[in-house]
C-alpha atoms as a PDB file:
ATOM      1  CA  MET A   1       6.815  -5.726  29.008  1.00  0.00           C
ATOM      2  CA  GLY A   2       7.554  -3.524  25.969  1.00  0.00           C
ATOM      3  CA  THR A   3      10.014  -0.792  25.145  1.00  0.00           C
ATOM      4  CA  VAL A   4       8.851   2.822  24.880  1.00  0.00           C
ATOM      5  CA  VAL A   5      10.910   5.090  22.602  1.00  0.00           C
ATOM      6  CA  ASP A   6      10.634   8.882  22.384  1.00  0.00           C
ATOM      7  CA  PHE A   7      11.117   9.611  18.693  1.00  0.00           C
ATOM      8  CA  ARG A   8      12.204  13.218  19.200  1.00  0.00           C
ATOM      9  CA  SER A   9      15.160  12.323  21.403  1.00  0.00           C
ATOM     10  CA  GLY A  10      15.682   8.692  20.355  1.00  0.00           C
ATOM     11  CA  ARG A  11      15.890   7.658  24.016  1.00  0.00           C
ATOM     12  CA  SER A  12      13.708   5.310  25.996  1.00  0.00           C
ATOM     13  CA  ALA A  13      10.894   7.111  27.781  1.00  0.00           C
ATOM     14  CA  PRO A  14       9.532   6.247  31.224  1.00  0.00           C
ATOM     15  CA  ALA A  15       6.270   4.296  30.981  1.00  0.00           C
ATOM     16  CA  ALA A  16       4.575   6.917  33.179  1.00  0.00           C
ATOM     17  CA  ILE A  17       4.800   9.622  30.497  1.00  0.00           C
ATOM     18  CA  ALA A  18       3.871   7.275  27.658  1.00  0.00           C
ATOM     19  CA  GLY A  19       0.142   7.868  28.095  1.00  0.00           C
ATOM     20  CA  GLU A  20      -0.152  11.481  29.153  1.00  0.00           C
ATOM     21  CA  GLY A  21      -2.256  13.511  26.722  1.00  0.00           C
ATOM     22  CA  LEU A  22      -1.369  11.393  23.684  1.00  0.00           C
ATOM     23  CA  THR A  23      -3.488   9.547  21.151  1.00  0.00           C
ATOM     24  CA  HIS A  24      -2.482   5.886  20.940  1.00  0.00           C
ATOM     25  CA  VAL A  25      -2.884   3.660  17.885  1.00  0.00           C
ATOM     26  CA  GLU A  26      -2.464  -0.103  18.124  1.00  0.00           C
ATOM     27  CA  LEU A  27      -0.763  -1.530  15.040  1.00  0.00           C
ATOM     28  CA  THR A  28      -0.777  -5.208  14.108  1.00  0.00           C
ATOM     29  CA  TRP A  29       1.127  -6.954  11.330  1.00  0.00           C
ATOM     30  CA  VAL A  30       0.388 -10.597  10.539  1.00  0.00           C
ATOM     31  CA  GLU A  31       1.615 -11.035   6.967  1.00  0.00           C
ATOM     32  CA  LYS A  32      -1.276 -11.470   4.495  1.00  0.00           C
ATOM     33  CA  LYS A  33      -3.853 -11.671   7.325  1.00  0.00           C
ATOM     34  CA  ILE A  34      -4.005  -8.431   9.347  1.00  0.00           C
ATOM     35  CA  GLU A  35      -1.989  -5.371   8.420  1.00  0.00           C
ATOM     36  CA  HIS A  36      -2.478  -2.099  10.313  1.00  0.00           C
ATOM     37  CA  TRP A  37       0.020   0.664   9.656  1.00  0.00           C
ATOM     38  CA  ILE A  38       0.566   4.416   9.741  1.00  0.00           C
ATOM     39  CA  ARG A  39       0.903   5.904   6.245  1.00  0.00           C
ATOM     40  CA  PHE A  40       2.011   9.317   7.519  1.00  0.00           C
ATOM     41  CA  GLY A  41       2.206  11.190  10.787  1.00  0.00           C
ATOM     42  CA  SER A  42       4.762  12.333  13.327  1.00  0.00           C
ATOM     43  CA  ILE A  43       5.037   9.524  15.876  1.00  0.00           C
ATOM     44  CA  ALA A  44       5.868  10.869  19.337  1.00  0.00           C
ATOM     45  CA  LEU A  45       6.290   7.532  21.141  1.00  0.00           C
ATOM     46  CA  GLU A  46       6.332   3.878  20.192  1.00  0.00           C
ATOM     47  CA  LYS A  47       5.797   0.904  22.480  1.00  0.00           C
ATOM     48  CA  ILE A  48       6.669  -2.522  21.086  1.00  0.00           C
ATOM     49  CA  LEU A  49       4.338  -5.142  22.561  1.00  0.00           C
ATOM     50  CA  ASP A  50       5.640  -8.186  20.684  1.00  0.00           C
ATOM     51  CA  ARG A  51       6.843  -9.222  17.209  1.00  0.00           C
ATOM     52  CA  ARG A  52       3.499  -8.429  15.610  1.00  0.00           C
ATOM     53  CA  ARG A  53       2.052  -5.605  17.687  1.00  0.00           C
ATOM     54  CA  ARG A  54       3.095  -2.144  18.748  1.00  0.00           C
ATOM     55  CA  ILE A  55       1.449   1.038  19.943  1.00  0.00           C
ATOM     56  CA  VAL A  56       2.378   4.369  18.407  1.00  0.00           C
ATOM     57  CA  SER A  57       1.365   7.662  19.991  1.00  0.00           C
ATOM     58  CA  PHE A  58       0.699  11.128  18.595  1.00  0.00           C
ATOM     59  CA  ARG A  59       0.668  14.548  20.246  1.00  0.00           C
ATOM     60  CA  PRO A  60      -2.511  16.667  20.208  1.00  0.00           C
ATOM     61  CA  ASP A  61      -3.230  18.306  16.813  1.00  0.00           C
ATOM     62  CA  ASP A  62      -0.900  15.924  14.926  1.00  0.00           C
ATOM     63  CA  ILE A  63      -2.543  14.498  11.814  1.00  0.00           C
ATOM     64  CA  PHE A  64      -1.920  10.907  10.784  1.00  0.00           C
ATOM     65  CA  ALA A  65      -3.230   8.319   8.316  1.00  0.00           C
ATOM     66  CA  PHE A  66      -4.179   4.939   9.759  1.00  0.00           C
ATOM     67  CA  VAL A  67      -4.536   2.127   7.212  1.00  0.00           C
ATOM     68  CA  ARG A  68      -6.248  -1.171   8.062  1.00  0.00           C
ATOM     69  CA  TRP A  69      -6.344  -4.235   5.863  1.00  0.00           C
ATOM     70  CA  ALA A  70      -7.445  -7.770   6.688  1.00  0.00           C
ATOM     71  CA  ALA A  71      -8.093 -10.920   4.692  1.00  0.00           C
ATOM     72  CA  ASN A  72      -9.294 -14.452   5.168  1.00  0.00           C
ATOM     73  CA  ASP A  73      -8.302 -17.459   3.065  1.00  0.00           C
ATOM     74  CA  CYS A  74     -10.522 -16.356   0.175  1.00  0.00           C
ATOM     75  CA  ASP A  75     -10.584 -12.578  -0.064  1.00  0.00           C
ATOM     76  CA  THR A  76      -9.976  -9.147   1.467  1.00  0.00           C
ATOM     77  CA  ILE A  77     -12.473  -8.524   4.245  1.00  0.00           C
ATOM     78  CA  VAL A  78     -11.358  -5.038   5.391  1.00  0.00           C
ATOM     79  CA  SER A  79      -9.664  -2.274   3.431  1.00  0.00           C
ATOM     80  CA  ARG A  80      -9.873   1.114   5.118  1.00  0.00           C
ATOM     81  CA  VAL A  81      -7.948   4.337   5.607  1.00  0.00           C
ATOM     82  CA  ASP A  82      -8.701   7.048   8.159  1.00  0.00           C
ATOM     83  CA  ILE A  83      -6.999  10.427   8.347  1.00  0.00           C
ATOM     84  CA  VAL A  84      -7.256  11.575  11.943  1.00  0.00           C
ATOM     85  CA  ARG A  85      -6.289  14.619  13.985  1.00  0.00           C
ATOM     86  CA  ALA A  86      -5.087  13.643  17.460  1.00  0.00           C
ATOM     87  CA  VAL A  87      -7.136  15.396  20.123  1.00  0.00           C
ATOM     88  CA  ALA A  88      -6.106  17.035  23.362  1.00  0.00           C
ATOM     89  CA  GLU A  89      -7.121  15.497  26.673  1.00  0.00           C
ATOM     90  CA  GLY A  90     -10.780  16.294  27.390  1.00  0.00           C
ATOM     91  CA  GLU A  91     -11.485  17.466  23.827  1.00  0.00           C
ATOM     92  CA  ALA A  92     -14.570  16.099  22.070  1.00  0.00           C
ATOM     93  CA  HIS A  93     -13.691  13.281  19.690  1.00  0.00           C
ATOM     94  CA  GLN A  94     -15.024  10.414  17.619  1.00  0.00           C
ATOM     95  CA  THR A  95     -14.205   6.828  18.458  1.00  0.00           C
ATOM     96  CA  LEU A  96     -12.280   4.655  16.055  1.00  0.00           C
ATOM     97  CA  PRO A  97     -11.213   1.021  16.477  1.00  0.00           C
ATOM     98  CA  PHE A  98      -7.606   0.627  17.665  1.00  0.00           C
ATOM     99  CA  VAL A  99      -7.317   4.389  18.427  1.00  0.00           C
ATOM    100  CA  ARG A 100      -7.450   5.548  22.053  1.00  0.00           C
ATOM    101  CA  PRO A 101      -9.135   7.704  23.084  1.00  0.00           C
ATOM    102  CA  GLY A 102     -10.253   8.451  19.509  1.00  0.00           C
ATOM    103  CA  GLY A 103      -9.746  11.522  17.365  1.00  0.00           C
ATOM    104  CA  ASP A 104     -11.143  14.097  14.987  1.00  0.00           C
ATOM    105  CA  ILE A 105     -11.759  11.944  11.896  1.00  0.00           C
ATOM    106  CA  LEU A 106     -11.043  14.144   8.879  1.00  0.00           C
ATOM    107  CA  LEU A 107     -11.394  11.483   6.191  1.00  0.00           C
ATOM    108  CA  THR A 108     -12.476   7.876   6.026  1.00  0.00           C
ATOM    109  CA  ALA A 109     -12.550   5.566   3.021  1.00  0.00           C
ATOM    110  CA  GLU A 110     -13.567   1.928   2.826  1.00  0.00           C
ATOM    111  CA  GLY A 111     -13.079  -0.530  -0.019  1.00  0.00           C
ATOM    112  CA  LEU A 112      -9.986  -1.054  -2.095  1.00  0.00           C
ATOM    113  CA  PRO A 113     -10.773   1.442  -4.933  1.00  0.00           C
ATOM    114  CA  LYS A 114     -11.452   4.316  -2.505  1.00  0.00           C
ATOM    115  CA  VAL A 115      -8.479   3.454  -0.290  1.00  0.00           C
ATOM    116  CA  GLU A 116      -6.211   3.420  -3.362  1.00  0.00           C
ATOM    117  CA  ARG A 117      -7.532   6.863  -4.392  1.00  0.00           C
ATOM    118  CA  VAL A 118      -6.737   8.250  -0.936  1.00  0.00           C
ATOM    119  CA  LEU A 119      -3.245   6.703  -1.013  1.00  0.00           C
ATOM    120  CA  HIS A 120      -2.653   8.248  -4.463  1.00  0.00           C
ATOM    121  CA  THR A 121      -3.821  11.619  -3.093  1.00  0.00           C
ATOM    122  CA  ILE A 122      -1.338  11.280  -0.222  1.00  0.00           C
ATOM    123  CA  ASP A 123       1.432  10.382  -2.694  1.00  0.00           C
ATOM    124  CA  SER A 124       0.650  13.386  -4.910  1.00  0.00           C
ATOM    125  CA  ILE A 125       0.874  15.723  -1.902  1.00  0.00           C
ATOM    126  CA  ALA A 126       4.181  14.169  -0.850  1.00  0.00           C
ATOM    127  CA  GLN A 127       5.499  14.660  -4.410  1.00  0.00           C
ATOM    128  CA  LEU A 128       4.944  18.406  -3.946  1.00  0.00           C
ATOM    129  CA  GLY A 129       7.428  18.261  -1.091  1.00  0.00           C
ATOM    130  CA  VAL A 130       4.670  18.815   1.483  1.00  0.00           C
ATOM    131  CA  ASP A 131       4.355  16.524   4.495  1.00  0.00           C
ATOM    132  CA  PRO A 132       0.788  15.109   4.274  1.00  0.00           C
ATOM    133  CA  GLY A 133       0.561  15.533   8.067  1.00  0.00           C
ATOM    134  CA  ALA A 134       1.025  19.297   7.603  1.00  0.00           C
ATOM    135  CA  VAL A 135      -1.827  19.634   5.085  1.00  0.00           C
ATOM    136  CA  SER A 136      -4.864  21.700   6.030  1.00  0.00           C
ATOM    137  CA  PRO A 137      -7.446  19.596   7.910  1.00  0.00           C
ATOM    138  CA  ASP A 138     -10.050  21.293   5.713  1.00  0.00           C
ATOM    139  CA  HIS A 139      -8.459  19.748   2.631  1.00  0.00           C
ATOM    140  CA  TRP A 140      -8.757  16.238   4.082  1.00  0.00           C
ATOM    141  CA  ARG A 141     -12.437  16.946   4.872  1.00  0.00           C
ATOM    142  CA  HIS A 142     -12.867  18.204   1.301  1.00  0.00           C
ATOM    143  CA  VAL A 143     -11.344  14.994  -0.111  1.00  0.00           C
ATOM    144  CA  HIS A 144     -13.643  12.921   2.106  1.00  0.00           C
ATOM    145  CA  ASN A 145     -16.759  14.852   1.086  1.00  0.00           C
ATOM    146  CA  ARG A 146     -15.987  14.743  -2.652  1.00  0.00           C
ATOM    147  CA  MET A 147     -15.222  11.021  -2.582  1.00  0.00           C
ATOM    148  CA  THR A 148     -18.439  10.378  -0.646  1.00  0.00           C
ATOM    149  CA  VAL A 149     -20.500  11.834  -3.507  1.00  0.00           C
ATOM    150  CA  GLY A 150     -18.385  10.199  -6.207  1.00  0.00           C
ATOM    151  CA  GLN A 151     -16.588  13.330  -7.407  1.00  0.00           C
ATOM    152  CA  ALA A 152     -12.882  13.972  -7.800  1.00  0.00           C
ATOM    153  CA  PRO A 153     -11.395  16.233  -5.117  1.00  0.00           C
ATOM    154  CA  ARG A 154      -9.488  19.387  -5.981  1.00  0.00           C
ATOM    155  CA  THR A 155      -5.745  18.926  -6.187  1.00  0.00           C
ATOM    156  CA  TYR A 156      -3.760  20.256  -3.238  1.00  0.00           C
ATOM    157  CA  THR A 157      -1.227  22.797  -4.507  1.00  0.00           C
ATOM    158  CA  LEU A 158       1.709  24.679  -3.040  1.00  0.00           C
ATOM    159  CA  ASP A 159      -0.369  27.870  -3.247  1.00  0.00           C
ATOM    160  CA  LEU A 160      -3.144  26.288  -1.155  1.00  0.00           C
ATOM    161  CA  HIS A 161      -0.558  25.070   1.327  1.00  0.00           C
ATOM    162  CA  ARG A 162       1.060  28.509   1.630  1.00  0.00           C
ATOM    163  CA  ALA A 163      -2.391  30.079   2.164  1.00  0.00           C
ATOM    164  CA  TYR A 164      -3.127  27.529   4.909  1.00  0.00           C
ATOM    165  CA  LEU A 165       0.185  28.258   6.644  1.00  0.00           C
ATOM    166  CA  LEU A 166      -0.469  32.007   6.482  1.00  0.00           C
ATOM    167  CA  ARG A 167      -4.012  31.530   7.903  1.00  0.00           C
ATOM    168  CA  ARG A 168      -2.534  29.554  10.823  1.00  0.00           C
ATOM    169  CA  ARG A 169      -0.211  32.448  11.644  1.00  0.00           C
ATOM    170  CA  VAL A 170      -2.997  35.018  11.914  1.00  0.00           C
ATOM    171  CA  GLN A 171      -5.666  32.867  13.589  1.00  0.00           C
ATOM    172  CA  PRO A 172      -5.493  32.497  17.356  1.00  0.00           C
END
């Protein structure tokens, strides 16, 4: 079978706790054919299935970016990025391929130009010194909505991030 690693402690975790209340994402890497990876997010557990496949898990309310790319002999057939909030057990959610049980999809982009714009947005946030997984979910929804109508999203700033962190402190 595979190895399960708890990333907070660095120790192997019993298989029994590997599935409790977590959101699982199956990642595949077949060079130049199928490439699924996590662009950002705080991985709680990882289970290695084989050389090309692994399952990473996220705790409820963690936000992560899941990138999928696939090609055939002639061209790219899938280029997609989803920014997802992991949901708690029993919480309403949307389904998404390779994500169990699913999640709160904050942003989705398909096609290479849109995916590149999202990746550049993630990079610009990281350049501020802000973990993209700690960004306001509302900002990711804003980016999604603006891109959907063909408009540029507002830039995420340190002031917006501080305001979000302060709002989290006062909201129950």
